[in-house]
Amino acid sequence: MKKALLFLAVVLFFIACSHDGGRPQNALDTGTAFIRASLDGNFADAESLLLKDTQNTELFERYKEFYADLKSEQKEQYKKASYEINKYTEVNDSTATINYSNSYMHKPMDIKIVRVNKVWSVDFKYTYAP
């Protein structure tokens, strides 16, 4: 019994050490976490994945205002929506793009995920680039 408990403690220790607080470790996971958080209206989680620069912050603030102005029925539809990755492209070792659509709007959208200082983040301004 003691050996089983010791083994379990060691396994849990290694799991805890390898976990960095839940931040996604690759571009695809970062992008999909951002998409889900945005659809759910969970802006704290979405914003934590955002590349921190002035333009991204301003665009994201406008997006939050847009979402806040939606009717509650629309917000609920976004929360219920699933999303589909239409195309995932690794541009290089520090940049990827995701083209996706959700089951509510059915409109393809693009996001760009970049790695800066070993951390993957969403470059939100790419979504609004012409």
C-alpha atoms as a PDB file:
ATOM      1  CA  MET A   1       0.000   0.000   0.000  1.00  0.00           C
ATOM      2  CA  LYS A   2       2.820   2.376   0.890  1.00  0.00           C
ATOM      3  CA  LYS A   3       4.536   1.667  -2.440  1.00  0.00           C
ATOM      4  CA  ALA A   4       1.343   2.472  -4.337  1.00  0.00           C
ATOM      5  CA  LEU A   5       0.930   5.758  -2.466  1.00  0.00           C
ATOM      6  CA  LEU A   6       4.580   6.637  -3.019  1.00  0.00           C
ATOM      7  CA  PHE A   7       4.245   5.849  -6.735  1.00  0.00           C
ATOM      8  CA  LEU A   8       1.098   7.991  -6.974  1.00  0.00           C
ATOM      9  CA  ALA A   9       2.832  10.862  -5.167  1.00  0.00           C
ATOM     10  CA  VAL A  10       5.816  10.700  -7.539  1.00  0.00           C
ATOM     11  CA  VAL A  11       3.544  10.654 -10.612  1.00  0.00           C
ATOM     12  CA  LEU A  12       1.548  13.622  -9.313  1.00  0.00           C
ATOM     13  CA  PHE A  13       4.764  15.487  -8.535  1.00  0.00           C
ATOM     14  CA  PHE A  14       6.039  15.074 -12.106  1.00  0.00           C
ATOM     15  CA  ILE A  15       2.692  16.069 -13.567  1.00  0.00           C
ATOM     16  CA  ALA A  16       2.633  19.200 -11.405  1.00  0.00           C
ATOM     17  CA  CYS A  17       6.190  20.111 -12.339  1.00  0.00           C
ATOM     18  CA  SER A  18       5.559  19.728 -16.042  1.00  0.00           C
ATOM     19  CA  HIS A  19       2.404  21.853 -15.936  1.00  0.00           C
ATOM     20  CA  ASP A  20       2.976  25.608 -16.241  1.00  0.00           C
ATOM     21  CA  GLY A  21      -0.388  26.871 -15.045  1.00  0.00           C
ATOM     22  CA  GLY A  22      -2.365  25.823 -18.060  1.00  0.00           C
ATOM     23  CA  ARG A  23      -0.905  28.016 -20.780  1.00  0.00           C
ATOM     24  CA  PRO A  24      -0.974  26.187 -24.118  1.00  0.00           C
ATOM     25  CA  GLN A  25       2.413  24.939 -25.257  1.00  0.00           C
ATOM     26  CA  ASN A  26       1.988  25.136 -29.031  1.00  0.00           C
ATOM     27  CA  ALA A  27       0.415  27.309 -31.701  1.00  0.00           C
ATOM     28  CA  LEU A  28      -2.590  25.089 -32.406  1.00  0.00           C
ATOM     29  CA  ASP A  29      -3.547  24.745 -28.746  1.00  0.00           C
ATOM     30  CA  THR A  30      -3.118  28.488 -28.207  1.00  0.00           C
ATOM     31  CA  GLY A  31      -5.291  29.293 -31.206  1.00  0.00           C
ATOM     32  CA  THR A  32      -8.051  26.862 -30.312  1.00  0.00           C
ATOM     33  CA  ALA A  33      -8.081  28.005 -26.676  1.00  0.00           C
ATOM     34  CA  PHE A  34      -8.421  31.598 -27.869  1.00  0.00           C
ATOM     35  CA  ILE A  35     -11.240  30.690 -30.267  1.00  0.00           C
ATOM     36  CA  ARG A  36     -13.182  28.806 -27.588  1.00  0.00           C
ATOM     37  CA  ALA A  37     -12.699  31.534 -24.958  1.00  0.00           C
ATOM     38  CA  SER A  38     -13.806  34.205 -27.448  1.00  0.00           C
ATOM     39  CA  LEU A  39     -16.939  32.273 -28.422  1.00  0.00           C
ATOM     40  CA  ASP A  40     -17.753  31.734 -24.754  1.00  0.00           C
ATOM     41  CA  GLY A  41     -17.300  35.419 -23.938  1.00  0.00           C
ATOM     42  CA  ASN A  42     -14.524  34.456 -21.529  1.00  0.00           C
ATOM     43  CA  PHE A  43     -12.430  37.517 -22.197  1.00  0.00           C
ATOM     44  CA  ALA A  44     -10.045  37.082 -19.279  1.00  0.00           C
ATOM     45  CA  ASP A  45      -8.844  33.771 -20.714  1.00  0.00           C
ATOM     46  CA  ALA A  46      -8.827  35.062 -24.293  1.00  0.00           C
ATOM     47  CA  GLU A  47      -6.923  38.188 -23.317  1.00  0.00           C
ATOM     48  CA  SER A  48      -4.315  36.152 -21.457  1.00  0.00           C
ATOM     49  CA  LEU A  49      -3.475  34.510 -24.812  1.00  0.00           C
ATOM     50  CA  LEU A  50      -3.261  37.808 -26.685  1.00  0.00           C
ATOM     51  CA  LEU A  51       0.047  39.192 -27.933  1.00  0.00           C
ATOM     52  CA  LYS A  52       0.570  42.281 -25.815  1.00  0.00           C
ATOM     53  CA  ASP A  53       0.899  45.333 -28.034  1.00  0.00           C
ATOM     54  CA  THR A  54      -1.091  48.543 -28.392  1.00  0.00           C
ATOM     55  CA  GLN A  55      -2.929  47.643 -31.582  1.00  0.00           C
ATOM     56  CA  ASN A  56      -3.950  44.193 -30.331  1.00  0.00           C
ATOM     57  CA  THR A  57      -5.168  45.650 -27.053  1.00  0.00           C
ATOM     58  CA  GLU A  58      -7.237  48.327 -28.799  1.00  0.00           C
ATOM     59  CA  LEU A  59      -8.767  45.865 -31.263  1.00  0.00           C
ATOM     60  CA  PHE A  60      -9.587  43.416 -28.504  1.00  0.00           C
ATOM     61  CA  GLU A  61     -11.258  46.157 -26.461  1.00  0.00           C
ATOM     62  CA  ARG A  62     -13.444  46.964 -29.488  1.00  0.00           C
ATOM     63  CA  TYR A  63     -14.264  43.291 -29.880  1.00  0.00           C
ATOM     64  CA  LYS A  64     -15.325  43.099 -26.222  1.00  0.00           C
ATOM     65  CA  GLU A  65     -17.559  46.141 -26.721  1.00  0.00           C
ATOM     66  CA  PHE A  66     -19.106  44.527 -29.810  1.00  0.00           C
ATOM     67  CA  TYR A  67     -19.774  41.341 -27.842  1.00  0.00           C
ATOM     68  CA  ALA A  68     -21.241  43.276 -24.909  1.00  0.00           C
ATOM     69  CA  ASP A  69     -23.742  44.921 -27.273  1.00  0.00           C
ATOM     70  CA  LEU A  70     -25.027  41.578 -28.571  1.00  0.00           C
ATOM     71  CA  LYS A  71     -28.432  40.353 -27.448  1.00  0.00           C
ATOM     72  CA  SER A  72     -28.324  37.619 -24.847  1.00  0.00           C
ATOM     73  CA  GLU A  73     -29.721  35.136 -27.382  1.00  0.00           C
ATOM     74  CA  GLN A  74     -26.813  35.840 -29.715  1.00  0.00           C
ATOM     75  CA  LYS A  75     -24.289  35.412 -26.909  1.00  0.00           C
ATOM     76  CA  GLU A  76     -25.881  32.095 -26.045  1.00  0.00           C
ATOM     77  CA  GLN A  77     -25.610  30.981 -29.690  1.00  0.00           C
ATOM     78  CA  TYR A  78     -21.903  31.812 -29.700  1.00  0.00           C
ATOM     79  CA  LYS A  79     -21.422  29.847 -26.472  1.00  0.00           C
ATOM     80  CA  LYS A  80     -23.235  26.846 -27.924  1.00  0.00           C
ATOM     81  CA  ALA A  81     -21.346  27.070 -31.210  1.00  0.00           C
ATOM     82  CA  SER A  82     -18.741  24.554 -32.163  1.00  0.00           C
ATOM     83  CA  TYR A  83     -15.850  25.543 -34.372  1.00  0.00           C
ATOM     84  CA  GLU A  84     -14.106  23.835 -37.228  1.00  0.00           C
ATOM     85  CA  ILE A  85     -10.492  24.286 -38.235  1.00  0.00           C
ATOM     86  CA  ASN A  86     -10.586  24.709 -42.007  1.00  0.00           C
ATOM     87  CA  LYS A  87      -6.836  25.066 -42.383  1.00  0.00           C
ATOM     88  CA  TYR A  88      -3.854  25.130 -40.057  1.00  0.00           C
ATOM     89  CA  THR A  89      -0.583  26.445 -41.489  1.00  0.00           C
ATOM     90  CA  GLU A  90       2.796  26.504 -39.800  1.00  0.00           C
ATOM     91  CA  VAL A  91       4.464  29.441 -41.524  1.00  0.00           C
ATOM     92  CA  ASN A  92       7.753  28.884 -39.706  1.00  0.00           C
ATOM     93  CA  ASP A  93       8.923  27.769 -36.252  1.00  0.00           C
ATOM     94  CA  SER A  94       7.452  30.850 -34.582  1.00  0.00           C
ATOM     95  CA  THR A  95       4.366  31.673 -36.659  1.00  0.00           C
ATOM     96  CA  ALA A  96       1.204  29.786 -37.557  1.00  0.00           C
ATOM     97  CA  THR A  97      -2.221  30.672 -38.892  1.00  0.00           C
ATOM     98  CA  ILE A  98      -5.597  29.083 -38.344  1.00  0.00           C
ATOM     99  CA  ASN A  99      -8.552  29.513 -40.658  1.00  0.00           C
ATOM    100  CA  TYR A 100     -11.705  28.456 -38.843  1.00  0.00           C
ATOM    101  CA  SER A 101     -15.438  28.941 -38.818  1.00  0.00           C
ATOM    102  CA  ASN A 102     -18.031  28.473 -36.106  1.00  0.00           C
ATOM    103  CA  SER A 103     -21.351  26.707 -36.380  1.00  0.00           C
ATOM    104  CA  TYR A 104     -23.308  29.867 -35.558  1.00  0.00           C
ATOM    105  CA  MET A 105     -21.945  32.350 -38.112  1.00  0.00           C
ATOM    106  CA  HIS A 106     -20.467  29.942 -40.699  1.00  0.00           C
ATOM    107  CA  LYS A 107     -18.022  32.683 -41.711  1.00  0.00           C
ATOM    108  CA  PRO A 108     -14.385  31.684 -42.242  1.00  0.00           C
ATOM    109  CA  MET A 109     -11.967  33.750 -40.149  1.00  0.00           C
ATOM    110  CA  ASP A 110      -8.214  33.797 -39.711  1.00  0.00           C
ATOM    111  CA  ILE A 111      -6.062  34.177 -36.635  1.00  0.00           C
ATOM    112  CA  LYS A 112      -2.294  34.316 -36.402  1.00  0.00           C
ATOM    113  CA  ILE A 113      -0.345  32.760 -33.565  1.00  0.00           C
ATOM    114  CA  VAL A 114       3.214  33.858 -32.889  1.00  0.00           C
ATOM    115  CA  ARG A 115       5.900  32.698 -30.501  1.00  0.00           C
ATOM    116  CA  VAL A 116       7.713  35.499 -28.714  1.00  0.00           C
ATOM    117  CA  ASN A 117      10.181  34.702 -25.917  1.00  0.00           C
ATOM    118  CA  LYS A 118       9.132  31.018 -26.063  1.00  0.00           C
ATOM    119  CA  VAL A 119       5.452  31.885 -25.438  1.00  0.00           C
ATOM    120  CA  TRP A 120       2.710  31.357 -28.034  1.00  0.00           C
ATOM    121  CA  SER A 121       0.236  34.249 -28.338  1.00  0.00           C
ATOM    122  CA  VAL A 122      -2.529  35.352 -30.689  1.00  0.00           C
ATOM    123  CA  ASP A 123      -1.695  38.332 -32.892  1.00  0.00           C
ATOM    124  CA  PHE A 124      -5.266  39.628 -33.021  1.00  0.00           C
ATOM    125  CA  LYS A 125      -4.577  42.445 -35.471  1.00  0.00           C
ATOM    126  CA  TYR A 126      -3.946  39.835 -38.182  1.00  0.00           C
ATOM    127  CA  THR A 127      -7.657  38.965 -38.054  1.00  0.00           C
ATOM    128  CA  TYR A 128      -8.530  42.525 -39.079  1.00  0.00           C
ATOM    129  CA  ALA A 129      -5.740  43.080 -41.595  1.00  0.00           C
ATOM    130  CA  PRO A 130      -6.961  43.758 -45.135  1.00  0.00           C
END
